[in-house]
């Protein structure tokens, strides 16, 4: 009987831990997406950066 109670308590603690861990991951992912969205370059269509851009020669 005592082992079952300890197992249930351990499972509850683990489930609570996973809930808050996933909540923190979701929150940080949302913050990172907002940061990446603000620094989005509309001219970078291929996604590799400025390697393909050359200044115009006049």
C-alpha atoms as a PDB file:
ATOM      1  CA  UNK A   1       0.000   0.000   0.000  1.00  0.00           C
ATOM      2  CA  UNK A   2       2.815   2.401   0.889  1.00  0.00           C
ATOM      3  CA  UNK A   3       4.575   1.789  -2.452  1.00  0.00           C
ATOM      4  CA  UNK A   4       1.427   2.667  -4.415  1.00  0.00           C
ATOM      5  CA  UNK A   5       1.046   5.953  -2.558  1.00  0.00           C
ATOM      6  CA  UNK A   6       4.671   6.902  -3.197  1.00  0.00           C
ATOM      7  CA  UNK A   7       4.297   5.967  -6.866  1.00  0.00           C
ATOM      8  CA  UNK A   8       1.185   8.139  -7.225  1.00  0.00           C
ATOM      9  CA  UNK A   9       2.882  11.079  -5.479  1.00  0.00           C
ATOM     10  CA  UNK A  10       5.936  10.677  -7.728  1.00  0.00           C
ATOM     11  CA  UNK A  11       3.750  10.582 -10.839  1.00  0.00           C
ATOM     12  CA  UNK A  12       1.904  13.727  -9.738  1.00  0.00           C
ATOM     13  CA  UNK A  13       5.161  15.587  -9.159  1.00  0.00           C
ATOM     14  CA  UNK A  14       6.468  14.439 -12.553  1.00  0.00           C
ATOM     15  CA  UNK A  15       3.266  15.517 -14.344  1.00  0.00           C
ATOM     16  CA  UNK A  16       3.366  18.933 -12.664  1.00  0.00           C
ATOM     17  CA  UNK A  17       7.049  19.265 -13.628  1.00  0.00           C
ATOM     18  CA  UNK A  18       6.291  18.410 -17.273  1.00  0.00           C
ATOM     19  CA  UNK A  19       3.389  20.882 -17.356  1.00  0.00           C
ATOM     20  CA  UNK A  20       5.532  23.791 -16.219  1.00  0.00           C
ATOM     21  CA  UNK A  21       8.472  22.718 -18.398  1.00  0.00           C
ATOM     22  CA  UNK A  22       6.289  22.725 -21.521  1.00  0.00           C
ATOM     23  CA  UNK A  23       4.739  26.034 -20.458  1.00  0.00           C
ATOM     24  CA  UNK A  24       8.197  27.647 -20.174  1.00  0.00           C
ATOM     25  CA  UNK A  25       9.286  26.187 -23.529  1.00  0.00           C
ATOM     26  CA  UNK A  26       6.138  27.532 -25.219  1.00  0.00           C
ATOM     27  CA  UNK A  27       6.638  30.977 -23.665  1.00  0.00           C
ATOM     28  CA  UNK A  28      10.297  31.184 -24.718  1.00  0.00           C
ATOM     29  CA  UNK A  29       9.443  29.983 -28.223  1.00  0.00           C
ATOM     30  CA  UNK A  30       6.822  32.729 -28.524  1.00  0.00           C
ATOM     31  CA  UNK A  31       9.357  35.367 -27.398  1.00  0.00           C
ATOM     32  CA  UNK A  32      11.927  34.044 -29.886  1.00  0.00           C
ATOM     33  CA  UNK A  33       9.377  34.092 -32.716  1.00  0.00           C
ATOM     34  CA  UNK A  34       8.569  37.737 -31.933  1.00  0.00           C
ATOM     35  CA  UNK A  35      12.281  38.596 -31.989  1.00  0.00           C
ATOM     36  CA  UNK A  36      12.811  36.780 -35.280  1.00  0.00           C
ATOM     37  CA  UNK A  37       9.740  38.400 -36.797  1.00  0.00           C
ATOM     38  CA  UNK A  38      11.006  41.875 -35.945  1.00  0.00           C
ATOM     39  CA  UNK A  39      14.356  41.228 -37.621  1.00  0.00           C
ATOM     40  CA  UNK A  40      12.851  39.620 -40.729  1.00  0.00           C
ATOM     41  CA  UNK A  41      14.459  40.821 -43.966  1.00  0.00           C
ATOM     42  CA  UNK A  42      11.938  41.122 -46.805  1.00  0.00           C
ATOM     43  CA  UNK A  43      14.727  41.149 -49.426  1.00  0.00           C
ATOM     44  CA  UNK A  44      16.179  37.850 -48.228  1.00  0.00           C
ATOM     45  CA  UNK A  45      14.023  35.479 -50.262  1.00  0.00           C
ATOM     46  CA  UNK A  46      16.346  32.467 -50.198  1.00  0.00           C
ATOM     47  CA  UNK A  47      16.987  32.594 -46.438  1.00  0.00           C
ATOM     48  CA  UNK A  48      20.790  32.477 -46.537  1.00  0.00           C
ATOM     49  CA  UNK A  49      21.455  36.110 -45.756  1.00  0.00           C
ATOM     50  CA  UNK A  50      23.258  38.814 -47.702  1.00  0.00           C
ATOM     51  CA  UNK A  51      25.585  36.572 -49.696  1.00  0.00           C
ATOM     52  CA  UNK A  52      23.728  37.156 -52.961  1.00  0.00           C
ATOM     53  CA  UNK A  53      23.414  40.941 -52.761  1.00  0.00           C
ATOM     54  CA  UNK A  54      25.816  43.199 -54.548  1.00  0.00           C
ATOM     55  CA  UNK A  55      25.640  46.999 -54.567  1.00  0.00           C
ATOM     56  CA  UNK A  56      24.413  48.657 -57.758  1.00  0.00           C
ATOM     57  CA  UNK A  57      27.184  50.106 -59.936  1.00  0.00           C
ATOM     58  CA  UNK A  58      26.415  53.582 -61.243  1.00  0.00           C
END
